[in-house]
N, C-alpha and C. Protein backbone atom coordinates (compact mmCIF):
# COMPACT_ATOMS: atom_id res chain seq x y z
N MET A 1 27.25 -8.51 -17.97
CA MET A 1 27.66 -8.30 -19.34
C MET A 1 28.67 -9.39 -19.68
N PRO A 2 28.37 -10.23 -20.67
CA PRO A 2 29.30 -11.29 -21.04
C PRO A 2 30.55 -10.71 -21.70
N SER A 3 31.66 -11.44 -21.55
CA SER A 3 32.90 -10.99 -22.16
C SER A 3 33.60 -12.18 -22.81
N VAL A 4 34.33 -11.92 -23.87
CA VAL A 4 35.11 -12.95 -24.56
C VAL A 4 36.49 -12.37 -24.85
N ASN A 5 37.48 -13.27 -24.91
CA ASN A 5 38.79 -12.81 -25.34
C ASN A 5 38.94 -13.13 -26.83
N LEU A 6 40.05 -12.74 -27.41
CA LEU A 6 40.21 -12.90 -28.85
C LEU A 6 40.15 -14.36 -29.29
N ARG A 7 40.68 -15.27 -28.47
CA ARG A 7 40.65 -16.69 -28.83
C ARG A 7 39.22 -17.25 -28.76
N GLN A 8 38.46 -16.80 -27.79
CA GLN A 8 37.09 -17.29 -27.64
C GLN A 8 36.15 -16.70 -28.69
N LEU A 9 36.61 -15.70 -29.39
CA LEU A 9 35.78 -15.05 -30.39
C LEU A 9 35.43 -16.00 -31.54
N ARG A 10 36.17 -17.08 -31.67
CA ARG A 10 35.89 -18.06 -32.73
C ARG A 10 34.56 -18.76 -32.52
N ASP A 11 34.09 -18.84 -31.28
CA ASP A 11 32.81 -19.49 -30.98
C ASP A 11 31.68 -18.52 -31.31
N THR A 12 31.35 -18.46 -32.60
CA THR A 12 30.36 -17.47 -33.04
C THR A 12 28.94 -17.82 -32.59
N ARG A 13 28.67 -19.09 -32.30
CA ARG A 13 27.32 -19.46 -31.87
C ARG A 13 26.98 -18.78 -30.55
N GLN A 14 27.91 -18.85 -29.59
CA GLN A 14 27.64 -18.23 -28.30
C GLN A 14 27.56 -16.72 -28.43
N LEU A 15 28.44 -16.16 -29.23
CA LEU A 15 28.44 -14.70 -29.45
C LEU A 15 27.12 -14.26 -30.08
N LEU A 16 26.64 -14.98 -31.10
CA LEU A 16 25.37 -14.63 -31.74
C LEU A 16 24.19 -14.80 -30.78
N ALA A 17 24.25 -15.82 -29.94
CA ALA A 17 23.17 -16.02 -28.97
C ALA A 17 23.07 -14.84 -28.02
N TRP A 18 24.23 -14.37 -27.55
CA TRP A 18 24.23 -13.20 -26.67
C TRP A 18 23.70 -11.97 -27.38
N LEU A 19 24.15 -11.76 -28.61
CA LEU A 19 23.72 -10.57 -29.35
C LEU A 19 22.24 -10.62 -29.68
N GLU A 20 21.73 -11.79 -30.05
CA GLU A 20 20.30 -11.92 -30.33
C GLU A 20 19.46 -11.71 -29.08
N ALA A 21 20.03 -12.01 -27.92
CA ALA A 21 19.31 -11.79 -26.66
C ALA A 21 19.38 -10.34 -26.23
N GLY A 22 20.11 -9.50 -26.98
CA GLY A 22 20.19 -8.09 -26.65
C GLY A 22 21.34 -7.73 -25.73
N GLU A 23 22.26 -8.67 -25.49
CA GLU A 23 23.39 -8.43 -24.59
C GLU A 23 24.50 -7.66 -25.30
N VAL A 24 25.17 -6.82 -24.55
CA VAL A 24 26.37 -6.14 -25.05
C VAL A 24 27.55 -7.02 -24.66
N VAL A 25 28.39 -7.40 -25.62
CA VAL A 25 29.50 -8.30 -25.38
C VAL A 25 30.80 -7.50 -25.35
N VAL A 26 31.61 -7.74 -24.33
CA VAL A 26 32.88 -7.05 -24.18
C VAL A 26 33.99 -7.93 -24.75
N LEU A 27 34.81 -7.36 -25.62
CA LEU A 27 35.93 -8.07 -26.24
C LEU A 27 37.20 -7.66 -25.51
N LYS A 28 37.92 -8.66 -24.99
CA LYS A 28 39.11 -8.39 -24.20
C LYS A 28 40.35 -9.00 -24.84
N LYS A 29 41.49 -8.34 -24.60
CA LYS A 29 42.79 -8.87 -24.99
C LYS A 29 43.70 -8.73 -23.78
N ARG A 30 44.12 -9.87 -23.26
CA ARG A 30 44.94 -9.92 -22.05
C ARG A 30 44.26 -9.17 -20.89
N ASN A 31 43.00 -9.51 -20.68
CA ASN A 31 42.18 -8.94 -19.60
C ASN A 31 42.02 -7.42 -19.68
N ARG A 32 42.24 -6.86 -20.84
CA ARG A 32 42.02 -5.43 -21.05
C ARG A 32 40.92 -5.27 -22.09
N VAL A 33 39.96 -4.42 -21.81
CA VAL A 33 38.83 -4.22 -22.72
C VAL A 33 39.34 -3.54 -24.00
N VAL A 34 39.06 -4.21 -25.13
CA VAL A 34 39.46 -3.67 -26.43
C VAL A 34 38.26 -3.06 -27.14
N ALA A 35 37.12 -3.73 -27.02
CA ALA A 35 35.95 -3.23 -27.74
C ALA A 35 34.68 -3.75 -27.07
N ARG A 36 33.58 -3.13 -27.43
CA ARG A 36 32.26 -3.60 -27.03
C ARG A 36 31.47 -3.88 -28.30
N ILE A 37 30.86 -5.05 -28.34
CA ILE A 37 30.04 -5.42 -29.48
C ILE A 37 28.59 -5.21 -29.06
N VAL A 38 27.93 -4.30 -29.74
CA VAL A 38 26.57 -3.91 -29.38
C VAL A 38 25.61 -4.48 -30.43
N PRO A 39 24.50 -5.09 -30.02
CA PRO A 39 23.55 -5.61 -31.00
C PRO A 39 22.92 -4.48 -31.81
N GLU A 40 22.48 -4.81 -33.00
CA GLU A 40 21.91 -3.82 -33.92
C GLU A 40 20.64 -3.19 -33.37
N SER A 41 19.75 -4.00 -32.89
CA SER A 41 18.48 -3.47 -32.39
C SER A 41 18.32 -3.85 -30.92
N PRO A 42 17.53 -3.10 -30.17
CA PRO A 42 17.32 -3.45 -28.77
C PRO A 42 16.54 -4.75 -28.65
N LYS A 43 16.57 -5.30 -27.45
CA LYS A 43 15.88 -6.56 -27.19
C LYS A 43 14.39 -6.41 -27.49
N ILE A 44 13.88 -7.30 -28.31
CA ILE A 44 12.47 -7.26 -28.70
C ILE A 44 11.71 -8.22 -27.79
N LEU A 45 10.76 -7.68 -27.08
CA LEU A 45 9.96 -8.52 -26.20
C LEU A 45 8.86 -9.21 -27.00
N PRO A 46 8.58 -10.45 -26.69
CA PRO A 46 7.52 -11.14 -27.41
C PRO A 46 6.16 -10.50 -27.14
N ALA A 47 5.32 -10.53 -28.14
CA ALA A 47 3.99 -9.95 -28.00
C ALA A 47 3.15 -10.81 -27.05
N GLU A 48 2.32 -10.16 -26.28
CA GLU A 48 1.45 -10.90 -25.38
C GLU A 48 0.26 -11.44 -26.15
N TRP A 49 0.02 -12.73 -25.98
CA TRP A 49 -1.10 -13.38 -26.64
C TRP A 49 -2.34 -13.20 -25.77
N PRO A 50 -3.49 -13.07 -26.40
CA PRO A 50 -4.72 -12.99 -25.61
C PRO A 50 -5.02 -14.33 -24.96
N ASP A 51 -5.82 -14.31 -23.92
CA ASP A 51 -6.20 -15.53 -23.22
C ASP A 51 -7.34 -16.19 -23.99
N PHE A 52 -6.97 -17.11 -24.89
CA PHE A 52 -7.97 -17.74 -25.75
C PHE A 52 -8.94 -18.61 -24.96
N ALA A 53 -8.45 -19.26 -23.91
CA ALA A 53 -9.32 -20.12 -23.11
C ALA A 53 -10.40 -19.29 -22.43
N ALA A 54 -10.03 -18.14 -21.90
CA ALA A 54 -11.02 -17.28 -21.23
C ALA A 54 -12.02 -16.73 -22.24
N ARG A 55 -11.54 -16.37 -23.42
CA ARG A 55 -12.43 -15.85 -24.46
C ARG A 55 -13.41 -16.93 -24.92
N LEU A 56 -12.92 -18.16 -25.06
CA LEU A 56 -13.77 -19.28 -25.46
C LEU A 56 -14.84 -19.55 -24.41
N LYS A 57 -14.43 -19.52 -23.13
CA LYS A 57 -15.38 -19.75 -22.07
C LYS A 57 -16.42 -18.62 -22.01
N GLN A 58 -15.98 -17.39 -22.28
CA GLN A 58 -16.90 -16.26 -22.26
C GLN A 58 -17.93 -16.39 -23.38
N ASN A 59 -17.52 -16.84 -24.55
CA ASN A 59 -18.43 -16.95 -25.68
C ASN A 59 -19.35 -18.15 -25.59
N TYR A 60 -18.81 -19.29 -25.17
CA TYR A 60 -19.58 -20.53 -25.21
C TYR A 60 -19.96 -21.07 -23.84
N GLY A 61 -19.41 -20.53 -22.78
CA GLY A 61 -19.72 -21.02 -21.45
C GLY A 61 -19.11 -22.40 -21.25
N ASP A 62 -19.85 -23.26 -20.57
CA ASP A 62 -19.36 -24.60 -20.28
C ASP A 62 -19.83 -25.64 -21.29
N ARG A 63 -20.58 -25.25 -22.28
CA ARG A 63 -21.09 -26.24 -23.23
C ARG A 63 -19.97 -26.70 -24.15
N MET A 64 -20.02 -27.96 -24.49
CA MET A 64 -19.02 -28.57 -25.36
C MET A 64 -19.63 -28.76 -26.74
N ILE A 65 -18.87 -28.41 -27.75
CA ILE A 65 -19.32 -28.59 -29.12
C ILE A 65 -18.73 -29.90 -29.64
N PRO A 66 -19.57 -30.85 -29.97
CA PRO A 66 -19.06 -32.15 -30.42
C PRO A 66 -18.59 -32.07 -31.87
N ALA A 67 -17.47 -31.43 -32.09
CA ALA A 67 -16.98 -31.18 -33.45
C ALA A 67 -16.64 -32.46 -34.17
N VAL A 68 -16.08 -33.42 -33.48
CA VAL A 68 -15.68 -34.67 -34.13
C VAL A 68 -16.91 -35.43 -34.60
N GLU A 69 -17.92 -35.49 -33.76
CA GLU A 69 -19.14 -36.21 -34.15
C GLU A 69 -19.82 -35.54 -35.33
N ILE A 70 -19.86 -34.22 -35.35
CA ILE A 70 -20.46 -33.48 -36.46
C ILE A 70 -19.67 -33.75 -37.74
N LEU A 71 -18.36 -33.75 -37.66
CA LEU A 71 -17.52 -34.00 -38.83
C LEU A 71 -17.73 -35.41 -39.37
N ILE A 72 -17.82 -36.39 -38.49
CA ILE A 72 -18.05 -37.77 -38.92
C ILE A 72 -19.41 -37.90 -39.60
N GLU A 73 -20.44 -37.27 -39.03
CA GLU A 73 -21.77 -37.32 -39.63
C GLU A 73 -21.78 -36.68 -41.02
N GLU A 74 -21.11 -35.55 -41.16
CA GLU A 74 -21.06 -34.88 -42.48
C GLU A 74 -20.33 -35.74 -43.51
N ARG A 75 -19.26 -36.36 -43.13
CA ARG A 75 -18.52 -37.20 -44.06
C ARG A 75 -19.31 -38.45 -44.45
N ASN A 76 -20.01 -39.03 -43.47
CA ASN A 76 -20.79 -40.22 -43.76
C ASN A 76 -21.99 -39.90 -44.65
N SER A 77 -22.56 -38.72 -44.49
CA SER A 77 -23.73 -38.38 -45.29
C SER A 77 -23.33 -38.05 -46.73
N ARG A 78 -22.11 -37.59 -46.94
CA ARG A 78 -21.66 -37.27 -48.29
C ARG A 78 -21.30 -38.51 -49.09
N TYR A 79 -20.72 -39.47 -48.44
CA TYR A 79 -20.17 -40.62 -49.20
C TYR A 79 -21.00 -41.83 -49.04
């Protein structure tokens, strides 16, 4: 649990970083605990992303789609 004294409390960047990470910060005065600063919401874990590479391989296998060549052909045929 991170702790700060009253003089260090001026460094709000570090304090906000701890609070955004879900840490409870202890506020001390002359090495005596004066208060605890608790973040508003609990630590939010990032959502797990699906494995897009595995899904792509499952749908298309090992074949490669020449998207760039198709795009160039379409642009050349239009103009």
